Amino acid sequence: MAQVVLKHYDIIKRPIITEKSMSLKEQFNKYTFAVDPKANKIEIKNAIEAIFNVKVLSVATLNVAAKDKRMGKYEGKTSAYKKAIVKLAEGQTIAAFNLD
């Protein structure tokens, strides 16, 4: 049983809290997470339902590409990651996104 819980926490990396993700939360009850790049939609859905005890209606995923960055003479890239946008059932919320 403990391995299943660890697996869920390995899939969901962190919530993404930006102005756009807060707008999606308020208008459409959609929440945004950074997830493991190897995770599929079914695994993401099961992990969100297990961790936050909510009902997930749909999952949309996208791969965010790395961007070139410069600090003075130094050049590098930001990390690439996978993002999941999760739609919850009516009336359900995730407390991690409440910034009040």
C-alpha atoms as a PDB file:
ATOM      1  CA  MET A   1       0.000   0.000   0.000  1.00  0.00           C
ATOM      2  CA  ALA A   2       2.821   2.457   0.816  1.00  0.00           C
ATOM      3  CA  GLN A   3       4.359   1.921  -2.636  1.00  0.00           C
ATOM      4  CA  VAL A   4       1.133   3.058  -4.335  1.00  0.00           C
ATOM      5  CA  VAL A   5       1.095   6.327  -2.354  1.00  0.00           C
ATOM      6  CA  LEU A   6       4.755   6.984  -3.190  1.00  0.00           C
ATOM      7  CA  LYS A   7       4.014   6.333  -6.847  1.00  0.00           C
ATOM      8  CA  HIS A   8       1.262   8.967  -6.810  1.00  0.00           C
ATOM      9  CA  TYR A   9       3.585  11.521  -5.265  1.00  0.00           C
ATOM     10  CA  ASP A  10       6.257  10.669  -7.850  1.00  0.00           C
ATOM     11  CA  ILE A  11       3.816  11.429 -10.683  1.00  0.00           C
ATOM     12  CA  ILE A  12       2.603  14.826  -9.375  1.00  0.00           C
ATOM     13  CA  LYS A  13       5.612  17.138  -8.957  1.00  0.00           C
ATOM     14  CA  ARG A  14       4.076  20.486  -7.918  1.00  0.00           C
ATOM     15  CA  PRO A  15       1.111  22.774  -8.554  1.00  0.00           C
ATOM     16  CA  ILE A  16       1.616  25.557 -11.087  1.00  0.00           C
ATOM     17  CA  ILE A  17       0.284  28.793  -9.623  1.00  0.00           C
ATOM     18  CA  THR A  18       0.272  31.608 -12.172  1.00  0.00           C
ATOM     19  CA  GLU A  19      -2.188  34.294 -13.157  1.00  0.00           C
ATOM     20  CA  LYS A  20      -3.445  32.171 -16.060  1.00  0.00           C
ATOM     21  CA  SER A  21      -3.829  29.010 -13.955  1.00  0.00           C
ATOM     22  CA  MET A  22      -5.787  30.959 -11.304  1.00  0.00           C
ATOM     23  CA  SER A  23      -8.088  32.248 -14.045  1.00  0.00           C
ATOM     24  CA  LEU A  24      -8.679  28.660 -15.250  1.00  0.00           C
ATOM     25  CA  LYS A  25      -9.438  27.597 -11.669  1.00  0.00           C
ATOM     26  CA  GLU A  26     -12.013  30.355 -11.114  1.00  0.00           C
ATOM     27  CA  GLN A  27     -13.763  30.136 -14.495  1.00  0.00           C
ATOM     28  CA  PHE A  28     -13.688  26.419 -15.360  1.00  0.00           C
ATOM     29  CA  ASN A  29     -12.649  24.567 -12.146  1.00  0.00           C
ATOM     30  CA  LYS A  30      -9.396  23.452 -13.851  1.00  0.00           C
ATOM     31  CA  TYR A  31      -6.150  22.977 -11.918  1.00  0.00           C
ATOM     32  CA  THR A  32      -2.620  22.937 -13.345  1.00  0.00           C
ATOM     33  CA  PHE A  33       0.237  20.676 -12.208  1.00  0.00           C
ATOM     34  CA  ALA A  34       3.795  19.904 -13.268  1.00  0.00           C
ATOM     35  CA  VAL A  35       3.936  16.125 -13.675  1.00  0.00           C
ATOM     36  CA  ASP A  36       6.441  13.382 -14.483  1.00  0.00           C
ATOM     37  CA  PRO A  37       7.224  13.426 -18.231  1.00  0.00           C
ATOM     38  CA  LYS A  38       6.623   9.671 -18.498  1.00  0.00           C
ATOM     39  CA  ALA A  39       3.156   9.778 -16.864  1.00  0.00           C
ATOM     40  CA  ASN A  40       0.063   9.295 -19.012  1.00  0.00           C
ATOM     41  CA  LYS A  41      -3.406  10.798 -18.509  1.00  0.00           C
ATOM     42  CA  ILE A  42      -4.812   7.777 -16.672  1.00  0.00           C
ATOM     43  CA  GLU A  43      -1.922   7.724 -14.180  1.00  0.00           C
ATOM     44  CA  ILE A  44      -2.269  11.487 -13.619  1.00  0.00           C
ATOM     45  CA  LYS A  45      -6.026  11.146 -13.043  1.00  0.00           C
ATOM     46  CA  ASN A  46      -5.558   8.315 -10.524  1.00  0.00           C
ATOM     47  CA  ALA A  47      -2.803  10.227  -8.691  1.00  0.00           C
ATOM     48  CA  ILE A  48      -4.884  13.434  -8.364  1.00  0.00           C
ATOM     49  CA  GLU A  49      -7.923  11.495  -7.161  1.00  0.00           C
ATOM     50  CA  ALA A  50      -5.853   9.564  -4.597  1.00  0.00           C
ATOM     51  CA  ILE A  51      -3.834  12.520  -3.251  1.00  0.00           C
ATOM     52  CA  PHE A  52      -6.572  15.185  -3.080  1.00  0.00           C
ATOM     53  CA  ASN A  53      -9.674  12.964  -2.708  1.00  0.00           C
ATOM     54  CA  VAL A  54     -11.559  14.609  -5.601  1.00  0.00           C
ATOM     55  CA  LYS A  55     -13.347  13.410  -8.756  1.00  0.00           C
ATOM     56  CA  VAL A  56     -11.442  14.185 -11.990  1.00  0.00           C
ATOM     57  CA  LEU A  57     -13.543  14.640 -15.146  1.00  0.00           C
ATOM     58  CA  SER A  58     -10.761  15.184 -17.699  1.00  0.00           C
ATOM     59  CA  VAL A  59      -6.995  15.586 -18.058  1.00  0.00           C
ATOM     60  CA  ALA A  60      -5.159  17.584 -20.744  1.00  0.00           C
ATOM     61  CA  THR A  61      -1.370  17.282 -20.995  1.00  0.00           C
ATOM     62  CA  LEU A  62       1.306  19.239 -22.820  1.00  0.00           C
ATOM     63  CA  ASN A  63       5.084  19.210 -22.950  1.00  0.00           C
ATOM     64  CA  VAL A  64       6.649  22.572 -22.134  1.00  0.00           C
ATOM     65  CA  ALA A  65       9.873  23.022 -24.109  1.00  0.00           C
ATOM     66  CA  ALA A  66      13.088  24.418 -22.625  1.00  0.00           C
ATOM     67  CA  LYS A  67      13.797  28.111 -23.295  1.00  0.00           C
ATOM     68  CA  ASP A  68      17.144  29.791 -23.919  1.00  0.00           C
ATOM     69  CA  LYS A  69      18.172  32.150 -21.108  1.00  0.00           C
ATOM     70  CA  ARG A  70      21.109  34.511 -20.571  1.00  0.00           C
ATOM     71  CA  MET A  71      22.610  36.113 -17.474  1.00  0.00           C
ATOM     72  CA  GLY A  72      25.298  38.466 -18.736  1.00  0.00           C
ATOM     73  CA  LYS A  73      27.867  36.449 -20.634  1.00  0.00           C
ATOM     74  CA  TYR A  74      26.487  33.095 -19.455  1.00  0.00           C
ATOM     75  CA  GLU A  75      24.022  31.156 -21.580  1.00  0.00           C
ATOM     76  CA  GLY A  76      21.833  28.236 -20.628  1.00  0.00           C
ATOM     77  CA  LYS A  77      18.393  26.722 -20.872  1.00  0.00           C
ATOM     78  CA  THR A  78      15.450  26.391 -18.514  1.00  0.00           C
ATOM     79  CA  SER A  79      14.253  22.884 -17.712  1.00  0.00           C
ATOM     80  CA  ALA A  80      11.666  21.240 -19.953  1.00  0.00           C
ATOM     81  CA  TYR A  81       8.700  19.660 -18.144  1.00  0.00           C
ATOM     82  CA  LYS A  82       5.253  18.169 -18.678  1.00  0.00           C
ATOM     83  CA  LYS A  83       2.154  20.079 -17.603  1.00  0.00           C
ATOM     84  CA  ALA A  84      -1.271  18.618 -16.820  1.00  0.00           C
ATOM     85  CA  ILE A  85      -4.510  20.625 -16.696  1.00  0.00           C
ATOM     86  CA  VAL A  86      -7.095  18.727 -14.651  1.00  0.00           C
ATOM     87  CA  LYS A  87     -10.854  19.463 -14.679  1.00  0.00           C
ATOM     88  CA  LEU A  88     -12.658  18.575 -11.452  1.00  0.00           C
ATOM     89  CA  ALA A  89     -16.304  17.713 -10.874  1.00  0.00           C
ATOM     90  CA  GLU A  90     -18.694  20.548  -9.994  1.00  0.00           C
ATOM     91  CA  GLY A  91     -18.292  21.865  -6.441  1.00  0.00           C
ATOM     92  CA  GLN A  92     -14.915  20.206  -5.742  1.00  0.00           C
ATOM     93  CA  THR A  93     -11.715  22.132  -5.011  1.00  0.00           C
ATOM     94  CA  ILE A  94      -8.054  21.526  -4.158  1.00  0.00           C
ATOM     95  CA  ALA A  95      -6.848  23.363  -1.045  1.00  0.00           C
ATOM     96  CA  ALA A  96      -3.246  23.733  -2.315  1.00  0.00           C
ATOM     97  CA  PHE A  97      -4.456  26.408  -4.767  1.00  0.00           C
ATOM     98  CA  ASN A  98      -6.204  28.612  -2.191  1.00  0.00           C
ATOM     99  CA  LEU A  99      -3.900  31.583  -1.640  1.00  0.00           C
ATOM    100  CA  ASP A 100      -6.149  33.435   0.829  1.00  0.00           C
END
